[in-house]
Amino acid sequence: MNKRYRIKKNSEIDAIFKQKVVKGDSYFAIYQADEPMSAHFRFALSIGRRYGNAVARNLAKRRIRMIVAELKDVIIKTKMFVIVIKPTAAQLSYQDMRTKLQVLLKKSKLMENLNE
């Protein structure tokens, strides 16, 4: 995935968290910005140390980035969002992670095409 889709500045991530527009389940939470702020969607990942060691956290982040890259054609183009990965997601396989995240993206209305 191209790095222009990532949010890197802490000030932007904090602004999204302060808006408190959040949808979640027991594995993930998605915080999103109210108004469109960009020409294309941008996202950030947040994962805590309770998830596991650095190898496990990096694996989870790589998987989530890959899932977002696969779904980038159906994600609303002007949204900014932060995906928070909860420690319970460590037990999920890649396919389970993909389906849970896809359902959560639909629930938070970040996907254009709901027929996927």
PDB file of N, CA and C in Angstrom:
ATOM      1  N   MET A   1       0.844  -1.178   0.000  1.00  0.00           N
ATOM      2  CA  MET A   1       0.000   0.000   0.000  1.00  0.00           C
ATOM      3  C   MET A   1       0.884   1.233   0.000  1.00  0.00           C
ATOM      4  N   ASN A   2       0.499   2.187  -0.770  1.00  0.00           N
ATOM      5  CA  ASN A   2       1.231   3.430  -0.902  1.00  0.00           C
ATOM      6  C   ASN A   2       1.198   4.205   0.416  1.00  0.00           C
ATOM      7  N   LYS A   3       2.314   4.819   0.772  1.00  0.00           N
ATOM      8  CA  LYS A   3       2.407   5.514   2.050  1.00  0.00           C
ATOM      9  C   LYS A   3       1.590   6.800   2.097  1.00  0.00           C
ATOM     10  N   ARG A   4       1.121   7.275   0.957  1.00  0.00           N
ATOM     11  CA  ARG A   4       0.299   8.485   0.978  1.00  0.00           C
ATOM     12  C   ARG A   4      -1.066   8.230   1.609  1.00  0.00           C
ATOM     13  N   TYR A   5      -1.425   6.966   1.804  1.00  0.00           N
ATOM     14  CA  TYR A   5      -2.685   6.609   2.439  1.00  0.00           C
ATOM     15  C   TYR A   5      -2.581   6.553   3.961  1.00  0.00           C
ATOM     16  N   ARG A   6      -1.404   6.740   4.514  1.00  0.00           N
ATOM     17  CA  ARG A   6      -1.221   6.615   5.952  1.00  0.00           C
ATOM     18  C   ARG A   6      -1.208   7.979   6.635  1.00  0.00           C
ATOM     19  N   ILE A   7      -1.712   8.004   7.836  1.00  0.00           N
ATOM     20  CA  ILE A   7      -1.649   9.197   8.681  1.00  0.00           C
ATOM     21  C   ILE A   7      -0.445   9.020   9.596  1.00  0.00           C
ATOM     22  N   LYS A   8       0.460   9.969   9.587  1.00  0.00           N
ATOM     23  CA  LYS A   8       1.677   9.856  10.382  1.00  0.00           C
ATOM     24  C   LYS A   8       1.751  10.869  11.527  1.00  0.00           C
ATOM     25  N   LYS A   9       1.093  12.004  11.376  1.00  0.00           N
ATOM     26  CA  LYS A   9       1.220  13.050  12.383  1.00  0.00           C
ATOM     27  C   LYS A   9       0.343  12.755  13.591  1.00  0.00           C
ATOM     28  N   ASN A  10       0.939  12.877  14.770  1.00  0.00           N
ATOM     29  CA  ASN A  10       0.188  12.656  16.003  1.00  0.00           C
ATOM     30  C   ASN A  10      -0.944  13.660  16.167  1.00  0.00           C
ATOM     31  N   SER A  11      -0.755  14.875  15.671  1.00  0.00           N
ATOM     32  CA  SER A  11      -1.801  15.885  15.795  1.00  0.00           C
ATOM     33  C   SER A  11      -3.042  15.482  15.002  1.00  0.00           C
ATOM     34  N   GLU A  12      -2.863  14.880  13.832  1.00  0.00           N
ATOM     35  CA  GLU A  12      -4.010  14.430  13.037  1.00  0.00           C
ATOM     36  C   GLU A  12      -4.711  13.252  13.706  1.00  0.00           C
ATOM     37  N   ILE A  13      -3.933  12.332  14.256  1.00  0.00           N
ATOM     38  CA  ILE A  13      -4.517  11.170  14.941  1.00  0.00           C
ATOM     39  C   ILE A  13      -5.277  11.626  16.189  1.00  0.00           C
ATOM     40  N   ASP A  14      -4.698  12.554  16.950  1.00  0.00           N
ATOM     41  CA  ASP A  14      -5.374  13.069  18.140  1.00  0.00           C
ATOM     42  C   ASP A  14      -6.664  13.794  17.780  1.00  0.00           C
ATOM     43  N   ALA A  15      -6.663  14.520  16.664  1.00  0.00           N
ATOM     44  CA  ALA A  15      -7.879  15.216  16.229  1.00  0.00           C
ATOM     45  C   ALA A  15      -8.992  14.222  15.901  1.00  0.00           C
ATOM     46  N   ILE A  16      -8.641  13.095  15.306  1.00  0.00           N
ATOM     47  CA  ILE A  16      -9.639  12.073  14.994  1.00  0.00           C
ATOM     48  C   ILE A  16     -10.168  11.442  16.276  1.00  0.00           C
ATOM     49  N   PHE A  17      -9.286  11.162  17.240  1.00  0.00           N
ATOM     50  CA  PHE A  17      -9.720  10.585  18.511  1.00  0.00           C
ATOM     51  C   PHE A  17     -10.625  11.543  19.283  1.00  0.00           C
ATOM     52  N   LYS A  18     -10.361  12.855  19.200  1.00  0.00           N
ATOM     53  CA  LYS A  18     -11.155  13.828  19.939  1.00  0.00           C
ATOM     54  C   LYS A  18     -12.567  13.962  19.385  1.00  0.00           C
ATOM     55  N   GLN A  19     -12.764  13.646  18.106  1.00  0.00           N
ATOM     56  CA  GLN A  19     -14.107  13.756  17.525  1.00  0.00           C
ATOM     57  C   GLN A  19     -15.037  12.657  18.017  1.00  0.00           C
ATOM     58  N   LYS A  20     -14.483  11.560  18.506  1.00  0.00           N
ATOM     59  CA  LYS A  20     -15.228  10.473  19.149  1.00  0.00           C
ATOM     60  C   LYS A  20     -16.336   9.892  18.274  1.00  0.00           C
ATOM     61  N   VAL A  21     -16.105   9.789  16.988  1.00  0.00           N
ATOM     62  CA  VAL A  21     -17.017   9.065  16.103  1.00  0.00           C
ATOM     63  C   VAL A  21     -16.426   7.675  15.978  1.00  0.00           C
ATOM     64  N   VAL A  22     -16.962   6.730  16.756  1.00  0.00           N
ATOM     65  CA  VAL A  22     -16.329   5.421  16.865  1.00  0.00           C
ATOM     66  C   VAL A  22     -17.358   4.305  16.726  1.00  0.00           C
ATOM     67  N   LYS A  23     -16.948   3.264  16.033  1.00  0.00           N
ATOM     68  CA  LYS A  23     -17.700   2.011  15.951  1.00  0.00           C
ATOM     69  C   LYS A  23     -16.710   0.907  16.288  1.00  0.00           C
ATOM     70  N   GLY A  24     -17.183  -0.112  16.965  1.00  0.00           N
ATOM     71  CA  GLY A  24     -16.245  -1.157  17.323  1.00  0.00           C
ATOM     72  C   GLY A  24     -16.914  -2.453  17.688  1.00  0.00           C
ATOM     73  N   ASP A  25     -16.097  -3.457  17.850  1.00  0.00           N
ATOM     74  CA  ASP A  25     -16.519  -4.757  18.357  1.00  0.00           C
ATOM     75  C   ASP A  25     -15.442  -5.223  19.336  1.00  0.00           C
ATOM     76  N   SER A  26     -15.426  -6.502  19.648  1.00  0.00           N
ATOM     77  CA  SER A  26     -14.468  -6.973  20.644  1.00  0.00           C
ATOM     78  C   SER A  26     -13.055  -7.125  20.096  1.00  0.00           C
ATOM     79  N   TYR A  27     -12.875  -6.976  18.782  1.00  0.00           N
ATOM     80  CA  TYR A  27     -11.559  -7.152  18.163  1.00  0.00           C
ATOM     81  C   TYR A  27     -10.949  -5.848  17.656  1.00  0.00           C
ATOM     82  N   PHE A  28     -11.784  -4.949  17.128  1.00  0.00           N
ATOM     83  CA  PHE A  28     -11.304  -3.704  16.533  1.00  0.00           C
ATOM     84  C   PHE A  28     -12.213  -2.550  16.927  1.00  0.00           C
ATOM     85  N   ALA A  29     -11.684  -1.340  16.809  1.00  0.00           N
ATOM     86  CA  ALA A  29     -12.476  -0.115  16.923  1.00  0.00           C
ATOM     87  C   ALA A  29     -12.021   0.811  15.808  1.00  0.00           C
ATOM     88  N   ILE A  30     -12.960   1.499  15.186  1.00  0.00           N
ATOM     89  CA  ILE A  30     -12.627   2.428  14.117  1.00  0.00           C
ATOM     90  C   ILE A  30     -13.102   3.817  14.517  1.00  0.00           C
ATOM     91  N   TYR A  31     -12.148   4.719  14.679  1.00  0.00           N
ATOM     92  CA  TYR A  31     -12.431   6.129  14.924  1.00  0.00           C
ATOM     93  C   TYR A  31     -12.336   6.826  13.575  1.00  0.00           C
ATOM     94  N   GLN A  32     -13.311   7.704  13.285  1.00  0.00           N
ATOM     95  CA  GLN A  32     -13.253   8.397  12.001  1.00  0.00           C
ATOM     96  C   GLN A  32     -13.511   9.884  12.162  1.00  0.00           C
ATOM     97  N   ALA A  33     -12.994  10.650  11.208  1.00  0.00           N
ATOM     98  CA  ALA A  33     -13.180  12.086  11.196  1.00  0.00           C
ATOM     99  C   ALA A  33     -14.566  12.402  10.636  1.00  0.00           C
ATOM    100  N   ASP A  34     -15.195  13.445  11.163  1.00  0.00           N
ATOM    101  CA  ASP A  34     -16.535  13.826  10.720  1.00  0.00           C
ATOM    102  C   ASP A  34     -16.552  14.319   9.281  1.00  0.00           C
ATOM    103  N   GLU A  35     -15.716  15.284   9.007  1.00  0.00           N
ATOM    104  CA  GLU A  35     -15.743  15.910   7.686  1.00  0.00           C
ATOM    105  C   GLU A  35     -14.617  15.366   6.814  1.00  0.00           C
ATOM    106  N   PRO A  36     -14.822  15.379   5.503  1.00  0.00           N
ATOM    107  CA  PRO A  36     -13.748  14.944   4.601  1.00  0.00           C
ATOM    108  C   PRO A  36     -12.565  15.899   4.692  1.00  0.00           C
ATOM    109  N   MET A  37     -11.365  15.348   4.777  1.00  0.00           N
ATOM    110  CA  MET A  37     -10.179  16.177   4.946  1.00  0.00           C
ATOM    111  C   MET A  37      -9.133  15.964   3.870  1.00  0.00           C
ATOM    112  N   SER A  38      -9.383  15.056   2.931  1.00  0.00           N
ATOM    113  CA  SER A  38      -8.328  14.681   2.014  1.00  0.00           C
ATOM    114  C   SER A  38      -8.915  14.309   0.658  1.00  0.00           C
ATOM    115  N   ALA A  39      -8.067  14.269  -0.354  1.00  0.00           N
ATOM    116  CA  ALA A  39      -8.513  13.875  -1.693  1.00  0.00           C
ATOM    117  C   ALA A  39      -8.722  12.367  -1.785  1.00  0.00           C
ATOM    118  N   HIS A  40      -8.067  11.609  -0.931  1.00  0.00           N
ATOM    119  CA  HIS A  40      -8.225  10.157  -0.885  1.00  0.00           C
ATOM    120  C   HIS A  40      -8.266   9.756   0.583  1.00  0.00           C
ATOM    121  N   PHE A  41      -8.721   8.546   0.851  1.00  0.00           N
ATOM    122  CA  PHE A  41      -8.803   8.126   2.249  1.00  0.00           C
ATOM    123  C   PHE A  41      -7.410   7.971   2.833  1.00  0.00           C
ATOM    124  N   ARG A  42      -7.322   8.209   4.138  1.00  0.00           N
ATOM    125  CA  ARG A  42      -6.080   8.027   4.873  1.00  0.00           C
ATOM    126  C   ARG A  42      -6.411   7.317   6.169  1.00  0.00           C
ATOM    127  N   PHE A  43      -5.498   6.482   6.643  1.00  0.00           N
ATOM    128  CA  PHE A  43      -5.754   5.725   7.859  1.00  0.00           C
ATOM    129  C   PHE A  43      -4.484   5.563   8.670  1.00  0.00           C
ATOM    130  N   ALA A  44      -4.688   5.235   9.937  1.00  0.00           N
ATOM    131  CA  ALA A  44      -3.584   4.940  10.847  1.00  0.00           C
ATOM    132  C   ALA A  44      -3.975   3.705  11.650  1.00  0.00           C
ATOM    133  N   LEU A  45      -2.982   3.043  12.191  1.00  0.00           N
ATOM    134  CA  LEU A  45      -3.201   1.864  13.023  1.00  0.00           C
ATOM    135  C   LEU A  45      -2.708   2.149  14.428  1.00  0.00           C
ATOM    136  N   SER A  46      -3.432   1.625  15.405  1.00  0.00           N
ATOM    137  CA  SER A  46      -3.029   1.763  16.790  1.00  0.00           C
ATOM    138  C   SER A  46      -3.136   0.388  17.450  1.00  0.00           C
ATOM    139  N   ILE A  47      -2.054  -0.018  18.087  1.00  0.00           N
ATOM    140  CA  ILE A  47      -2.036  -1.325  18.742  1.00  0.00           C
ATOM    141  C   ILE A  47      -1.229  -1.188  20.024  1.00  0.00           C
ATOM    142  N   GLY A  48      -1.748  -1.755  21.098  1.00  0.00           N
ATOM    143  CA  GLY A  48      -1.099  -1.627  22.399  1.00  0.00           C
ATOM    144  C   GLY A  48      -0.127  -2.754  22.682  1.00  0.00           C
ATOM    145  N   ARG A  49       0.669  -2.570  23.704  1.00  0.00           N
ATOM    146  CA  ARG A  49       1.662  -3.578  24.082  1.00  0.00           C
ATOM    147  C   ARG A  49       1.030  -4.842  24.651  1.00  0.00           C
ATOM    148  N   ARG A  50      -0.206  -4.733  25.120  1.00  0.00           N
ATOM    149  CA  ARG A  50      -0.871  -5.910  25.673  1.00  0.00           C
ATOM    150  C   ARG A  50      -1.215  -6.928  24.596  1.00  0.00           C
ATOM    151  N   TYR A  51      -1.151  -6.532  23.332  1.00  0.00           N
ATOM    152  CA  TYR A  51      -1.448  -7.441  22.227  1.00  0.00           C
ATOM    153  C   TYR A  51      -0.458  -8.601  22.198  1.00  0.00           C
ATOM    154  N   GLY A  52       0.801  -8.304  22.410  1.00  0.00           N
ATOM    155  CA  GLY A  52       1.844  -9.330  22.372  1.00  0.00           C
ATOM    156  C   GLY A  52       3.201  -8.683  22.184  1.00  0.00           C
ATOM    157  N   ASN A  53       4.179  -9.496  21.819  1.00  0.00           N
ATOM    158  CA  ASN A  53       5.511  -8.938  21.615  1.00  0.00           C
ATOM    159  C   ASN A  53       5.565  -8.188  20.278  1.00  0.00           C
ATOM    160  N   ALA A  54       6.695  -7.591  19.979  1.00  0.00           N
ATOM    161  CA  ALA A  54       6.829  -6.749  18.797  1.00  0.00           C
ATOM    162  C   ALA A  54       6.581  -7.524  17.509  1.00  0.00           C
ATOM    163  N   VAL A  55       6.973  -8.782  17.474  1.00  0.00           N
ATOM    164  CA  VAL A  55       6.768  -9.605  16.281  1.00  0.00           C
ATOM    165  C   VAL A  55       5.278  -9.791  16.026  1.00  0.00           C
ATOM    166  N   ALA A  56       4.518 -10.076  17.062  1.00  0.00           N
ATOM    167  CA  ALA A  56       3.072 -10.272  16.912  1.00  0.00           C
ATOM    168  C   ALA A  56       2.373  -8.971  16.526  1.00  0.00           C
ATOM    169  N   ARG A  57       2.793  -7.857  17.123  1.00  0.00           N
ATOM    170  CA  ARG A  57       2.178  -6.563  16.785  1.00  0.00           C
ATOM    171  C   ARG A  57       2.459  -6.182  15.343  1.00  0.00           C
ATOM    172  N   ASN A  58       3.697  -6.387  14.890  1.00  0.00           N
ATOM    173  CA  ASN A  58       4.035  -6.058  13.509  1.00  0.00           C
ATOM    174  C   ASN A  58       3.304  -6.948  12.517  1.00  0.00           C
ATOM    175  N   LEU A  59       3.118  -8.216  12.852  1.00  0.00           N
ATOM    176  CA  LEU A  59       2.361  -9.114  11.996  1.00  0.00           C
ATOM    177  C   LEU A  59       0.911  -8.645  11.861  1.00  0.00           C
ATOM    178  N   ALA A  60       0.308  -8.243  12.967  1.00  0.00           N
ATOM    179  CA  ALA A  60      -1.068  -7.744  12.937  1.00  0.00           C
ATOM    180  C   ALA A  60      -1.173  -6.476  12.096  1.00  0.00           C
ATOM    181  N   LYS A  61      -0.209  -5.583  12.239  1.00  0.00           N
ATOM    182  CA  LYS A  61      -0.237  -4.350  11.451  1.00  0.00           C
ATOM    183  C   LYS A  61      -0.057  -4.627   9.965  1.00  0.00           C
ATOM    184  N   ARG A  62       0.823  -5.553   9.620  1.00  0.00           N
ATOM    185  CA  ARG A  62       0.996  -5.923   8.208  1.00  0.00           C
ATOM    186  C   ARG A  62      -0.271  -6.520   7.638  1.00  0.00           C
ATOM    187  N   ARG A  63      -0.935  -7.357   8.424  1.00  0.00           N
ATOM    188  CA  ARG A  63      -2.181  -7.964   7.966  1.00  0.00           C
ATOM    189  C   ARG A  63      -3.265  -6.916   7.741  1.00  0.00           C
ATOM    190  N   ILE A  64      -3.412  -5.991   8.670  1.00  0.00           N
ATOM    191  CA  ILE A  64      -4.437  -4.956   8.542  1.00  0.00           C
ATOM    192  C   ILE A  64      -4.144  -4.058   7.345  1.00  0.00           C
ATOM    193  N   ARG A  65      -2.872  -3.697   7.145  1.00  0.00           N
ATOM    194  CA  ARG A  65      -2.522  -2.887   5.975  1.00  0.00           C
ATOM    195  C   ARG A  65      -2.860  -3.616   4.675  1.00  0.00           C
ATOM    196  N   MET A  66      -2.631  -4.922   4.650  1.00  0.00           N
ATOM    197  CA  MET A  66      -2.945  -5.710   3.461  1.00  0.00           C
ATOM    198  C   MET A  66      -4.454  -5.775   3.222  1.00  0.00           C
ATOM    199  N   ILE A  67      -5.220  -5.920   4.277  1.00  0.00           N
ATOM    200  CA  ILE A  67      -6.674  -5.948   4.156  1.00  0.00           C
ATOM    201  C   ILE A  67      -7.189  -4.616   3.629  1.00  0.00           C
ATOM    202  N   VAL A  68      -6.678  -3.518   4.159  1.00  0.00           N
ATOM    203  CA  VAL A  68      -7.101  -2.197   3.686  1.00  0.00           C
ATOM    204  C   VAL A  68      -6.680  -2.007   2.233  1.00  0.00           C
ATOM    205  N   ALA A  69      -5.513  -2.503   1.848  1.00  0.00           N
ATOM    206  CA  ALA A  69      -5.067  -2.395   0.460  1.00  0.00           C
ATOM    207  C   ALA A  69      -5.997  -3.176  -0.476  1.00  0.00           C
ATOM    208  N   GLU A  70      -6.467  -4.329  -0.026  1.00  0.00           N
ATOM    209  CA  GLU A  70      -7.388  -5.113  -0.844  1.00  0.00           C
ATOM    210  C   GLU A  70      -8.751  -4.443  -0.970  1.00  0.00           C
ATOM    211  N   LEU A  71      -9.156  -3.693   0.042  1.00  0.00           N
ATOM    212  CA  LEU A  71     -10.470  -3.055   0.053  1.00  0.00           C
ATOM    213  C   LEU A  71     -10.424  -1.590  -0.369  1.00  0.00           C
ATOM    214  N   LYS A  72      -9.279  -1.101  -0.834  1.00  0.00           N
ATOM    215  CA  LYS A  72      -9.149   0.332  -1.090  1.00  0.00           C
ATOM    216  C   LYS A  72     -10.068   0.848  -2.193  1.00  0.00           C
ATOM    217  N   ASP A  73     -10.525  -0.016  -3.085  1.00  0.00           N
ATOM    218  CA  ASP A  73     -11.419   0.435  -4.147  1.00  0.00           C
ATOM    219  C   ASP A  73     -12.833   0.701  -3.653  1.00  0.00           C
ATOM    220  N   VAL A  74     -13.222   0.119  -2.534  1.00  0.00           N
ATOM    221  CA  VAL A  74     -14.582   0.303  -2.029  1.00  0.00           C
ATOM    222  C   VAL A  74     -14.645   1.185  -0.784  1.00  0.00           C
ATOM    223  N   ILE A  75     -13.511   1.630  -0.276  1.00  0.00           N
ATOM    224  CA  ILE A  75     -13.498   2.536   0.876  1.00  0.00           C
ATOM    225  C   ILE A  75     -13.768   3.947   0.370  1.00  0.00           C
ATOM    226  N   ILE A  76     -14.586   4.685   1.107  1.00  0.00           N
ATOM    227  CA  ILE A  76     -14.938   6.058   0.723  1.00  0.00           C
ATOM    228  C   ILE A  76     -13.660   6.886   0.601  1.00  0.00           C
ATOM    229  N   LYS A  77     -13.556   7.600  -0.480  1.00  0.00           N
ATOM    230  CA  LYS A  77     -12.294   8.229  -0.870  1.00  0.00           C
ATOM    231  C   LYS A  77     -11.848   9.390   0.007  1.00  0.00           C
ATOM    232  N   THR A  78     -12.756  10.093   0.658  1.00  0.00           N
ATOM    233  CA  THR A  78     -12.359  11.314   1.353  1.00  0.00           C
ATOM    234  C   THR A  78     -12.330  11.181   2.870  1.00  0.00           C
ATOM    235  N   LYS A  79     -12.378   9.998   3.393  1.00  0.00           N
ATOM    236  CA  LYS A  79     -12.428   9.809   4.842  1.00  0.00           C
ATOM    237  C   LYS A  79     -11.040   9.593   5.441  1.00  0.00           C
ATOM    238  N   MET A  80     -10.925   9.962   6.712  1.00  0.00           N
ATOM    239  CA  MET A  80      -9.734   9.671   7.504  1.00  0.00           C
ATOM    240  C   MET A  80     -10.189   8.859   8.708  1.00  0.00           C
ATOM    241  N   PHE A  81      -9.455   7.771   9.001  1.00  0.00           N
ATOM    242  CA  PHE A  81      -9.863   6.934  10.117  1.00  0.00           C
ATOM    243  C   PHE A  81      -8.660   6.264  10.755  1.00  0.00           C
ATOM    244  N   VAL A  82      -8.864   5.838  12.014  1.00  0.00           N
ATOM    245  CA  VAL A  82      -7.843   5.137  12.788  1.00  0.00           C
ATOM    246  C   VAL A  82      -8.430   3.790  13.202  1.00  0.00           C
ATOM    247  N   ILE A  83      -7.703   2.718  12.918  1.00  0.00           N
ATOM    248  CA  ILE A  83      -8.119   1.383  13.319  1.00  0.00           C
ATOM    249  C   ILE A  83      -7.347   1.012  14.579  1.00  0.00           C
ATOM    250  N   VAL A  84      -8.077   0.759  15.657  1.00  0.00           N
ATOM    251  CA  VAL A  84      -7.474   0.336  16.917  1.00  0.00           C
ATOM    252  C   VAL A  84      -7.613  -1.179  16.996  1.00  0.00           C
ATOM    253  N   ILE A  85      -6.489  -1.859  17.153  1.00  0.00           N
ATOM    254  CA  ILE A  85      -6.470  -3.317  17.220  1.00  0.00           C
ATOM    255  C   ILE A  85      -6.427  -3.719  18.695  1.00  0.00           C
ATOM    256  N   LYS A  86      -7.442  -4.443  19.129  1.00  0.00           N
ATOM    257  CA  LYS A  86      -7.540  -4.848  20.535  1.00  0.00           C
ATOM    258  C   LYS A  86      -6.797  -6.163  20.763  1.00  0.00           C
ATOM    259  N   PRO A  87      -6.386  -6.439  22.006  1.00  0.00           N
ATOM    260  CA  PRO A  87      -5.615  -7.658  22.293  1.00  0.00           C
ATOM    261  C   PRO A  87      -6.343  -8.959  21.947  1.00  0.00           C
ATOM    262  N   THR A  88      -7.663  -8.944  21.949  1.00  0.00           N
ATOM    263  CA  THR A  88      -8.409 -10.173  21.628  1.00  0.00           C
ATOM    264  C   THR A  88      -8.270 -10.559  20.161  1.00  0.00           C
ATOM    265  N   ALA A  89      -7.823  -9.643  19.308  1.00  0.00           N
ATOM    266  CA  ALA A  89      -7.649  -9.933  17.884  1.00  0.00           C
ATOM    267  C   ALA A  89      -6.459 -10.845  17.623  1.00  0.00           C
ATOM    268  N   ALA A  90      -5.642 -11.086  18.629  1.00  0.00           N
ATOM    269  CA  ALA A  90      -4.463 -11.944  18.457  1.00  0.00           C
ATOM    270  C   ALA A  90      -4.848 -13.382  18.141  1.00  0.00           C
ATOM    271  N   GLN A  91      -6.036 -13.789  18.513  1.00  0.00           N
ATOM    272  CA  GLN A  91      -6.467 -15.164  18.266  1.00  0.00           C
ATOM    273  C   GLN A  91      -7.083 -15.359  16.895  1.00  0.00           C
ATOM    274  N   LEU A  92      -7.251 -14.292  16.123  1.00  0.00           N
ATOM    275  CA  LEU A  92      -7.888 -14.384  14.808  1.00  0.00           C
ATOM    276  C   LEU A  92      -6.903 -14.789  13.719  1.00  0.00           C
ATOM    277  N   SER A  93      -7.380 -15.574  12.765  1.00  0.00           N
ATOM    278  CA  SER A  93      -6.593 -15.858  11.573  1.00  0.00           C
ATOM    279  C   SER A  93      -6.750 -14.684  10.606  1.00  0.00           C
ATOM    280  N   TYR A  94      -6.011 -14.724   9.507  1.00  0.00           N
ATOM    281  CA  TYR A  94      -6.088 -13.638   8.531  1.00  0.00           C
ATOM    282  C   TYR A  94      -7.499 -13.528   7.952  1.00  0.00           C
ATOM    283  N   GLN A  95      -8.118 -14.642   7.592  1.00  0.00           N
ATOM    284  CA  GLN A  95      -9.459 -14.611   7.002  1.00  0.00           C
ATOM    285  C   GLN A  95     -10.489 -14.094   8.005  1.00  0.00           C
ATOM    286  N   ASP A  96     -10.388 -14.516   9.249  1.00  0.00           N
ATOM    287  CA  ASP A  96     -11.306 -14.016  10.271  1.00  0.00           C
ATOM    288  C   ASP A  96     -11.110 -12.510  10.483  1.00  0.00           C
ATOM    289  N   MET A  97      -9.850 -12.102  10.499  1.00  0.00           N
ATOM    290  CA  MET A  97      -9.531 -10.691  10.663  1.00  0.00           C
ATOM    291  C   MET A  97     -10.131  -9.874   9.520  1.00  0.00           C
ATOM    292  N   ARG A  98     -10.023 -10.403   8.313  1.00  0.00           N
ATOM    293  CA  ARG A  98     -10.553  -9.712   7.126  1.00  0.00           C
ATOM    294  C   ARG A  98     -12.069  -9.583   7.199  1.00  0.00           C
ATOM    295  N   THR A  99     -12.766 -10.646   7.554  1.00  0.00           N
ATOM    296  CA  THR A  99     -14.228 -10.578   7.612  1.00  0.00           C
ATOM    297  C   THR A  99     -14.696  -9.658   8.736  1.00  0.00           C
ATOM    298  N   LYS A 100     -14.062  -9.726   9.909  1.00  0.00           N
ATOM    299  CA  LYS A 100     -14.446  -8.852  11.023  1.00  0.00           C
ATOM    300  C   LYS A 100     -14.212  -7.382  10.685  1.00  0.00           C
ATOM    301  N   LEU A 101     -13.083  -7.097  10.056  1.00  0.00           N
ATOM    302  CA  LEU A 101     -12.783  -5.717   9.699  1.00  0.00           C
ATOM    303  C   LEU A 101     -13.711  -5.219   8.587  1.00  0.00           C
ATOM    304  N   GLN A 102     -14.040  -6.074   7.640  1.00  0.00           N
ATOM    305  CA  GLN A 102     -14.937  -5.696   6.558  1.00  0.00           C
ATOM    306  C   GLN A 102     -16.334  -5.387   7.104  1.00  0.00           C
ATOM    307  N   VAL A 103     -16.813  -6.200   8.037  1.00  0.00           N
ATOM    308  CA  VAL A 103     -18.114  -5.950   8.657  1.00  0.00           C
ATOM    309  C   VAL A 103     -18.093  -4.631   9.426  1.00  0.00           C
ATOM    310  N   LEU A 104     -16.998  -4.369  10.112  1.00  0.00           N
ATOM    311  CA  LEU A 104     -16.886  -3.134  10.884  1.00  0.00           C
ATOM    312  C   LEU A 104     -16.794  -1.907   9.973  1.00  0.00           C
ATOM    313  N   LEU A 105     -16.118  -2.023   8.840  1.00  0.00           N
ATOM    314  CA  LEU A 105     -16.066  -0.917   7.887  1.00  0.00           C
ATOM    315  C   LEU A 105     -17.448  -0.632   7.315  1.00  0.00           C
ATOM    316  N   LYS A 106     -18.228  -1.668   7.052  1.00  0.00           N
ATOM    317  CA  LYS A 106     -19.596  -1.468   6.574  1.00  0.00           C
ATOM    318  C   LYS A 106     -20.452  -0.827   7.656  1.00  0.00           C
ATOM    319  N   LYS A 107     -20.279  -1.283   8.888  1.00  0.00           N
ATOM    320  CA  LYS A 107     -21.045  -0.755  10.009  1.00  0.00           C
ATOM    321  C   LYS A 107     -20.746   0.724  10.240  1.00  0.00           C
ATOM    322  N   SER A 108     -19.508   1.125  10.049  1.00  0.00           N
ATOM    323  CA  SER A 108     -19.126   2.519  10.248  1.00  0.00           C
ATOM    324  C   SER A 108     -19.309   3.359   8.994  1.00  0.00           C
ATOM    325  N   LYS A 109     -19.898   2.776   7.958  1.00  0.00           N
ATOM    326  CA  LYS A 109     -20.236   3.468   6.701  1.00  0.00           C
ATOM    327  C   LYS A 109     -19.005   4.049   6.016  1.00  0.00           C
ATOM    328  N   LEU A 110     -17.930   3.301   6.024  1.00  0.00           N
ATOM    329  CA  LEU A 110     -16.713   3.717   5.340  1.00  0.00           C
ATOM    330  C   LEU A 110     -16.560   3.035   3.983  1.00  0.00           C
ATOM    331  N   MET A 111     -17.468   2.150   3.629  1.00  0.00           N
ATOM    332  CA  MET A 111     -17.385   1.454   2.358  1.00  0.00           C
ATOM    333  C   MET A 111     -18.472   1.949   1.418  1.00  0.00           C
ATOM    334  N   GLU A 112     -18.095   2.188   0.161  1.00  0.00           N
ATOM    335  CA  GLU A 112     -19.049   2.658  -0.832  1.00  0.00           C
ATOM    336  C   GLU A 112     -19.967   1.547  -1.290  1.00  0.00           C
ATOM    337  N   ASN A 113     -19.380   0.404  -1.654  1.00  0.00           N
ATOM    338  CA  ASN A 113     -20.118  -0.704  -2.218  1.00  0.00           C
ATOM    339  C   ASN A 113     -20.459  -1.701  -1.116  1.00  0.00           C
ATOM    340  N   LEU A 114     -21.725  -1.798  -0.757  1.00  0.00           N
ATOM    341  CA  LEU A 114     -22.118  -2.690   0.325  1.00  0.00           C
ATOM    342  C   LEU A 114     -22.404  -4.094  -0.148  1.00  0.00           C
ATOM    343  N   ASN A 115     -22.246  -4.364  -1.439  1.00  0.00           N
ATOM    344  CA  ASN A 115     -22.530  -5.691  -1.980  1.00  0.00           C
ATOM    345  C   ASN A 115     -21.330  -6.611  -1.950  1.00  0.00           C
ATOM    346  N   GLU A 116     -20.184  -6.163  -1.490  1.00  0.00           N
ATOM    347  CA  GLU A 116     -18.984  -7.023  -1.494  1.00  0.00           C
ATOM    348  C   GLU A 116     -19.064  -8.069  -0.429  1.00  0.00           C
TER     349      GLU A 116
END
